[in-house]
N, C-alpha and C. Protein backbone atom coordinates (compact mmCIF):
# COMPACT_ATOMS: atom_id res chain seq x y z
N MET A 1 0.84 -1.18 0.00
CA MET A 1 0.00 0.00 0.00
C MET A 1 0.88 1.25 0.00
N LYS A 2 0.59 2.16 -0.89
CA LYS A 2 1.35 3.40 -0.98
C LYS A 2 0.90 4.36 0.11
N THR A 3 1.85 5.06 0.71
CA THR A 3 1.50 6.06 1.70
C THR A 3 1.33 7.41 1.02
N LYS A 4 0.41 8.19 1.52
CA LYS A 4 0.14 9.51 0.97
C LYS A 4 1.19 10.49 1.48
N THR A 5 1.79 11.23 0.55
CA THR A 5 2.79 12.21 0.96
C THR A 5 2.10 13.51 1.35
N ALA A 6 2.82 14.34 2.08
CA ALA A 6 2.24 15.59 2.58
C ALA A 6 1.91 16.57 1.46
N ASN A 7 2.55 16.45 0.31
CA ASN A 7 2.36 17.43 -0.76
C ASN A 7 1.39 16.99 -1.85
N ILE A 8 0.85 15.81 -1.74
CA ILE A 8 0.05 15.25 -2.83
C ILE A 8 -1.23 16.04 -3.09
N ASP A 9 -1.77 16.70 -2.07
CA ASP A 9 -3.02 17.44 -2.25
C ASP A 9 -2.83 18.96 -2.13
N LYS A 10 -1.60 19.42 -2.35
CA LYS A 10 -1.32 20.85 -2.30
C LYS A 10 -1.88 21.55 -3.54
N PRO A 11 -2.48 22.72 -3.35
CA PRO A 11 -3.03 23.45 -4.50
C PRO A 11 -1.91 24.03 -5.36
N LEU A 12 -2.28 24.48 -6.53
CA LEU A 12 -1.35 25.14 -7.44
C LEU A 12 -0.80 26.38 -6.75
N THR A 13 0.52 26.48 -6.68
CA THR A 13 1.15 27.66 -6.11
C THR A 13 2.27 28.12 -7.02
N LEU A 14 2.47 29.42 -7.04
CA LEU A 14 3.58 30.02 -7.77
C LEU A 14 4.27 30.96 -6.80
N ALA A 15 5.60 30.93 -6.81
CA ALA A 15 6.34 31.76 -5.87
C ALA A 15 7.72 32.05 -6.41
N ILE A 16 8.35 33.06 -5.81
CA ILE A 16 9.77 33.32 -6.04
C ILE A 16 10.48 32.77 -4.81
N GLU A 17 11.35 31.80 -5.02
CA GLU A 17 12.11 31.19 -3.93
C GLU A 17 13.57 31.13 -4.31
N ARG A 18 14.41 31.78 -3.52
CA ARG A 18 15.86 31.76 -3.75
C ARG A 18 16.20 32.04 -5.20
N ASP A 19 15.68 33.14 -5.71
CA ASP A 19 15.96 33.60 -7.07
C ASP A 19 15.46 32.64 -8.15
N GLN A 20 14.42 31.88 -7.85
CA GLN A 20 13.81 30.99 -8.84
C GLN A 20 12.30 31.16 -8.83
N LEU A 21 11.72 31.13 -10.03
CA LEU A 21 10.27 31.07 -10.15
C LEU A 21 9.89 29.60 -9.97
N VAL A 22 9.04 29.32 -8.99
CA VAL A 22 8.70 27.94 -8.66
C VAL A 22 7.20 27.73 -8.86
N ILE A 23 6.87 26.67 -9.60
CA ILE A 23 5.48 26.30 -9.84
C ILE A 23 5.29 24.91 -9.25
N ARG A 24 4.31 24.78 -8.38
CA ARG A 24 4.05 23.48 -7.73
C ARG A 24 2.56 23.18 -7.76
N VAL A 25 2.25 21.91 -7.86
CA VAL A 25 0.87 21.44 -7.70
C VAL A 25 0.92 19.98 -7.25
N GLY A 26 0.12 19.65 -6.27
CA GLY A 26 0.03 18.25 -5.84
C GLY A 26 -0.63 17.41 -6.91
N ILE A 27 -0.21 16.14 -7.00
CA ILE A 27 -0.76 15.32 -8.09
C ILE A 27 -2.24 14.99 -7.89
N ASP A 28 -2.73 14.99 -6.65
CA ASP A 28 -4.17 14.81 -6.45
C ASP A 28 -4.94 16.00 -7.02
N VAL A 29 -4.42 17.19 -6.81
CA VAL A 29 -5.06 18.40 -7.33
C VAL A 29 -4.98 18.41 -8.86
N LEU A 30 -3.84 18.03 -9.40
CA LEU A 30 -3.68 17.94 -10.85
C LEU A 30 -4.71 16.97 -11.44
N ALA A 31 -4.85 15.80 -10.83
CA ALA A 31 -5.80 14.80 -11.32
C ALA A 31 -7.23 15.32 -11.22
N HIS A 32 -7.56 15.95 -10.10
CA HIS A 32 -8.91 16.50 -9.93
C HIS A 32 -9.21 17.56 -10.98
N ALA A 33 -8.24 18.43 -11.23
CA ALA A 33 -8.42 19.48 -12.25
C ALA A 33 -8.62 18.86 -13.63
N ALA A 34 -7.86 17.82 -13.93
CA ALA A 34 -8.01 17.15 -15.23
C ALA A 34 -9.38 16.50 -15.36
N GLU A 35 -9.82 15.83 -14.32
CA GLU A 35 -11.12 15.15 -14.37
C GLU A 35 -12.27 16.14 -14.56
N ASN A 36 -12.08 17.36 -14.10
CA ASN A 36 -13.13 18.38 -14.16
C ASN A 36 -12.89 19.42 -15.24
N CYS A 37 -11.90 19.18 -16.10
CA CYS A 37 -11.56 20.12 -17.16
C CYS A 37 -12.69 20.14 -18.21
N ASN A 38 -13.29 21.32 -18.39
CA ASN A 38 -14.42 21.40 -19.31
C ASN A 38 -14.04 21.19 -20.77
N ARG A 39 -12.77 21.09 -21.07
CA ARG A 39 -12.36 20.78 -22.44
C ARG A 39 -12.70 19.34 -22.81
N PHE A 40 -13.00 18.51 -21.80
CA PHE A 40 -13.42 17.13 -22.05
C PHE A 40 -14.94 16.98 -22.05
N TYR A 41 -15.65 18.08 -21.87
CA TYR A 41 -17.11 18.05 -21.85
C TYR A 41 -17.64 17.52 -23.17
N ASP A 42 -18.61 16.65 -23.09
CA ASP A 42 -19.29 16.12 -24.27
C ASP A 42 -20.76 15.97 -23.91
N ASP A 43 -21.60 16.77 -24.51
CA ASP A 43 -23.02 16.79 -24.19
C ASP A 43 -23.68 15.43 -24.37
N ASP A 44 -23.18 14.63 -25.30
CA ASP A 44 -23.80 13.33 -25.58
C ASP A 44 -23.41 12.25 -24.57
N THR A 45 -22.18 12.30 -24.05
CA THR A 45 -21.72 11.19 -23.21
C THR A 45 -21.42 11.56 -21.77
N ASN A 46 -20.93 12.75 -21.53
CA ASN A 46 -20.54 13.09 -20.16
C ASN A 46 -20.78 14.57 -19.90
N ASN A 47 -22.01 14.91 -19.57
CA ASN A 47 -22.34 16.31 -19.42
C ASN A 47 -22.24 16.81 -17.98
N SER A 48 -21.66 16.02 -17.09
CA SER A 48 -21.37 16.50 -15.74
C SER A 48 -20.06 15.88 -15.29
N PRO A 49 -19.29 16.63 -14.51
CA PRO A 49 -17.98 16.14 -14.07
C PRO A 49 -18.12 14.92 -13.17
N PRO A 50 -17.13 14.05 -13.12
CA PRO A 50 -15.88 14.13 -13.87
C PRO A 50 -16.09 13.75 -15.33
N TYR A 51 -15.40 14.47 -16.18
CA TYR A 51 -15.51 14.24 -17.62
C TYR A 51 -14.59 13.12 -18.08
N ILE A 52 -13.48 12.94 -17.37
CA ILE A 52 -12.57 11.81 -17.61
C ILE A 52 -12.20 11.27 -16.24
N LEU A 53 -11.63 10.07 -16.19
CA LEU A 53 -11.20 9.48 -14.93
C LEU A 53 -9.69 9.23 -14.98
N ILE A 54 -8.98 9.74 -14.02
CA ILE A 54 -7.54 9.50 -13.89
C ILE A 54 -7.39 8.24 -13.07
N THR A 55 -6.87 7.20 -13.67
CA THR A 55 -6.77 5.90 -13.00
C THR A 55 -5.43 5.66 -12.32
N ASP A 56 -4.40 6.38 -12.73
CA ASP A 56 -3.07 6.28 -12.11
C ASP A 56 -2.49 7.70 -12.03
N LYS A 57 -2.60 8.31 -10.88
CA LYS A 57 -2.22 9.71 -10.73
C LYS A 57 -0.73 9.95 -10.93
N GLN A 58 0.09 9.03 -10.47
CA GLN A 58 1.54 9.17 -10.65
C GLN A 58 1.89 9.12 -12.14
N GLU A 59 1.34 8.15 -12.83
CA GLU A 59 1.61 8.01 -14.26
C GLU A 59 1.08 9.21 -15.04
N PHE A 60 -0.10 9.66 -14.67
CA PHE A 60 -0.69 10.82 -15.33
C PHE A 60 0.19 12.06 -15.12
N ALA A 61 0.67 12.27 -13.89
CA ALA A 61 1.52 13.42 -13.59
C ALA A 61 2.81 13.37 -14.43
N LYS A 62 3.38 12.18 -14.58
CA LYS A 62 4.58 12.03 -15.42
C LYS A 62 4.27 12.40 -16.87
N ASP A 63 3.10 11.98 -17.35
CA ASP A 63 2.72 12.29 -18.73
C ASP A 63 2.48 13.79 -18.92
N VAL A 64 1.88 14.45 -17.94
CA VAL A 64 1.67 15.90 -18.03
C VAL A 64 3.02 16.60 -18.03
N LEU A 65 3.93 16.18 -17.17
CA LEU A 65 5.27 16.76 -17.13
C LEU A 65 5.96 16.61 -18.48
N ARG A 66 5.85 15.43 -19.06
CA ARG A 66 6.47 15.17 -20.37
C ARG A 66 5.91 16.12 -21.42
N MET A 67 4.59 16.35 -21.39
CA MET A 67 3.97 17.25 -22.36
C MET A 67 4.38 18.70 -22.13
N LEU A 68 4.53 19.10 -20.87
CA LEU A 68 4.97 20.46 -20.56
C LEU A 68 6.38 20.71 -21.06
N GLN A 69 7.22 19.68 -21.06
CA GLN A 69 8.62 19.81 -21.46
C GLN A 69 8.86 19.53 -22.93
N ALA A 70 7.90 18.91 -23.60
CA ALA A 70 8.08 18.52 -25.01
C ALA A 70 8.29 19.76 -25.87
N GLU A 71 9.33 19.72 -26.67
CA GLU A 71 9.66 20.86 -27.54
C GLU A 71 9.18 20.61 -28.96
N ASP A 72 8.71 21.68 -29.60
CA ASP A 72 8.35 21.59 -31.00
C ASP A 72 9.61 21.79 -31.84
N GLU A 73 9.44 21.88 -33.15
CA GLU A 73 10.59 21.98 -34.06
C GLU A 73 11.40 23.26 -33.85
N CYS A 74 10.82 24.26 -33.22
CA CYS A 74 11.53 25.53 -32.95
C CYS A 74 12.15 25.57 -31.56
N GLY A 75 11.94 24.54 -30.77
CA GLY A 75 12.48 24.50 -29.41
C GLY A 75 11.54 25.04 -28.35
N SER A 76 10.33 25.42 -28.74
CA SER A 76 9.34 25.92 -27.77
C SER A 76 8.60 24.74 -27.14
N SER A 77 8.12 24.98 -25.93
CA SER A 77 7.31 23.99 -25.23
C SER A 77 6.09 24.69 -24.65
N LEU A 78 5.14 23.92 -24.16
CA LEU A 78 3.96 24.53 -23.55
C LEU A 78 4.36 25.46 -22.41
N ILE A 79 5.33 25.06 -21.60
CA ILE A 79 5.72 25.88 -20.46
C ILE A 79 6.50 27.10 -20.91
N SER A 80 7.36 26.97 -21.91
CA SER A 80 8.08 28.16 -22.38
C SER A 80 7.13 29.13 -23.06
N ASP A 81 6.13 28.61 -23.77
CA ASP A 81 5.13 29.48 -24.38
C ASP A 81 4.31 30.22 -23.31
N ALA A 82 3.96 29.52 -22.22
CA ALA A 82 3.22 30.15 -21.13
C ALA A 82 4.06 31.25 -20.48
N LEU A 83 5.35 31.00 -20.30
CA LEU A 83 6.24 32.01 -19.72
C LEU A 83 6.39 33.21 -20.66
N ASP A 84 6.46 32.94 -21.97
CA ASP A 84 6.51 34.04 -22.94
C ASP A 84 5.26 34.91 -22.85
N GLU A 85 4.10 34.28 -22.79
CA GLU A 85 2.84 35.02 -22.69
C GLU A 85 2.78 35.84 -21.40
N ALA A 86 3.21 35.23 -20.29
CA ALA A 86 3.21 35.95 -19.02
C ALA A 86 4.18 37.12 -19.04
N THR A 87 5.32 36.95 -19.73
CA THR A 87 6.30 38.03 -19.86
C THR A 87 5.70 39.20 -20.62
N VAL A 88 5.07 38.93 -21.73
CA VAL A 88 4.45 39.99 -22.54
C VAL A 88 3.34 40.67 -21.74
N ASP A 89 2.52 39.87 -21.06
CA ASP A 89 1.43 40.43 -20.26
C ASP A 89 1.97 41.32 -19.13
N ALA A 90 3.06 40.89 -18.48
CA ALA A 90 3.65 41.70 -17.41
C ALA A 90 4.16 43.02 -17.97
N PHE A 91 4.82 42.96 -19.11
CA PHE A 91 5.31 44.18 -19.75
C PHE A 91 4.15 45.10 -20.10
N ASN A 92 3.14 44.55 -20.76
CA ASN A 92 1.98 45.35 -21.18
C ASN A 92 1.18 45.90 -20.00
N ASP A 93 1.30 45.24 -18.86
CA ASP A 93 0.60 45.68 -17.66
C ASP A 93 1.38 46.75 -16.89
N GLY A 94 2.56 47.10 -17.43
CA GLY A 94 3.32 48.18 -16.80
C GLY A 94 4.36 47.72 -15.80
N SER A 95 4.88 46.52 -15.95
CA SER A 95 5.91 46.04 -15.03
C SER A 95 7.01 47.08 -14.85
N LEU A 96 7.37 47.33 -13.61
CA LEU A 96 8.43 48.30 -13.30
C LEU A 96 9.82 47.68 -13.45
N GLY A 97 9.87 46.39 -13.72
CA GLY A 97 11.16 45.71 -13.81
C GLY A 97 11.65 45.48 -15.22
N VAL A 98 11.07 46.19 -16.19
CA VAL A 98 11.46 45.96 -17.58
C VAL A 98 11.26 47.25 -18.38
N GLU A 99 12.10 47.42 -19.38
CA GLU A 99 11.95 48.55 -20.30
C GLU A 99 12.62 48.16 -21.61
N TYR A 100 12.30 48.91 -22.65
CA TYR A 100 12.98 48.72 -23.92
C TYR A 100 14.41 49.24 -23.78
N PRO A 101 15.38 48.58 -24.44
CA PRO A 101 16.75 49.11 -24.41
C PRO A 101 16.83 50.41 -25.20
N ARG A 102 17.70 51.27 -24.79
CA ARG A 102 17.91 52.52 -25.52
C ARG A 102 18.72 52.21 -26.76
N LYS A 103 18.23 52.64 -27.88
CA LYS A 103 18.93 52.42 -29.14
C LYS A 103 20.02 53.47 -29.30
N LYS A 104 21.17 53.04 -29.74
CA LYS A 104 22.26 53.98 -30.01
C LYS A 104 21.92 54.73 -31.29
N LYS A 105 22.17 56.03 -31.27
CA LYS A 105 21.91 56.83 -32.48
C LYS A 105 22.95 56.50 -33.53
N ASP A 106 22.48 56.55 -34.73
CA ASP A 106 23.38 56.27 -35.87
C ASP A 106 24.52 57.29 -35.87
N ALA A 107 25.75 56.81 -35.76
CA ALA A 107 26.92 57.69 -35.66
C ALA A 107 27.44 58.09 -37.03
N ARG A 108 26.84 57.56 -38.10
CA ARG A 108 27.32 57.93 -39.43
C ARG A 108 27.02 59.40 -39.75
N VAL A 109 27.93 60.03 -40.44
CA VAL A 109 27.74 61.43 -40.82
C VAL A 109 27.51 61.53 -42.29
C-alpha cells in the first residue's frame, strides 16, 4: 500500500524562492483538475464532471510533465510558451522591472 505524501493534495502555487520562479501542484489536485476540465465536456456522453477518470495519478503526472517539457521543431514547449505570454502580459501591464533598451543613435555622418 502506498503512503500519501504531505504534498500530494497541495493546491497550485507560484512563488519566487531563492531567485527561482517555482510552480508546484500536488498530483491529487492535478488529477482532480483534469477530471473536471471542461475541455473534455461532451453533451452526448458526459455532461457533468468528472468528464474523464484519472486511474493512475503518478503516471498521469509524469505524462503531463512530459507534455509540458516537449519541444516543437523551434524548441518551444507549452511551459516556455506560457512564460513568454506571461512576460508579454507583465510588460503590457506596466511592469516596473522591464523597459525597452535605448537604441544607439546612428553615428554615421
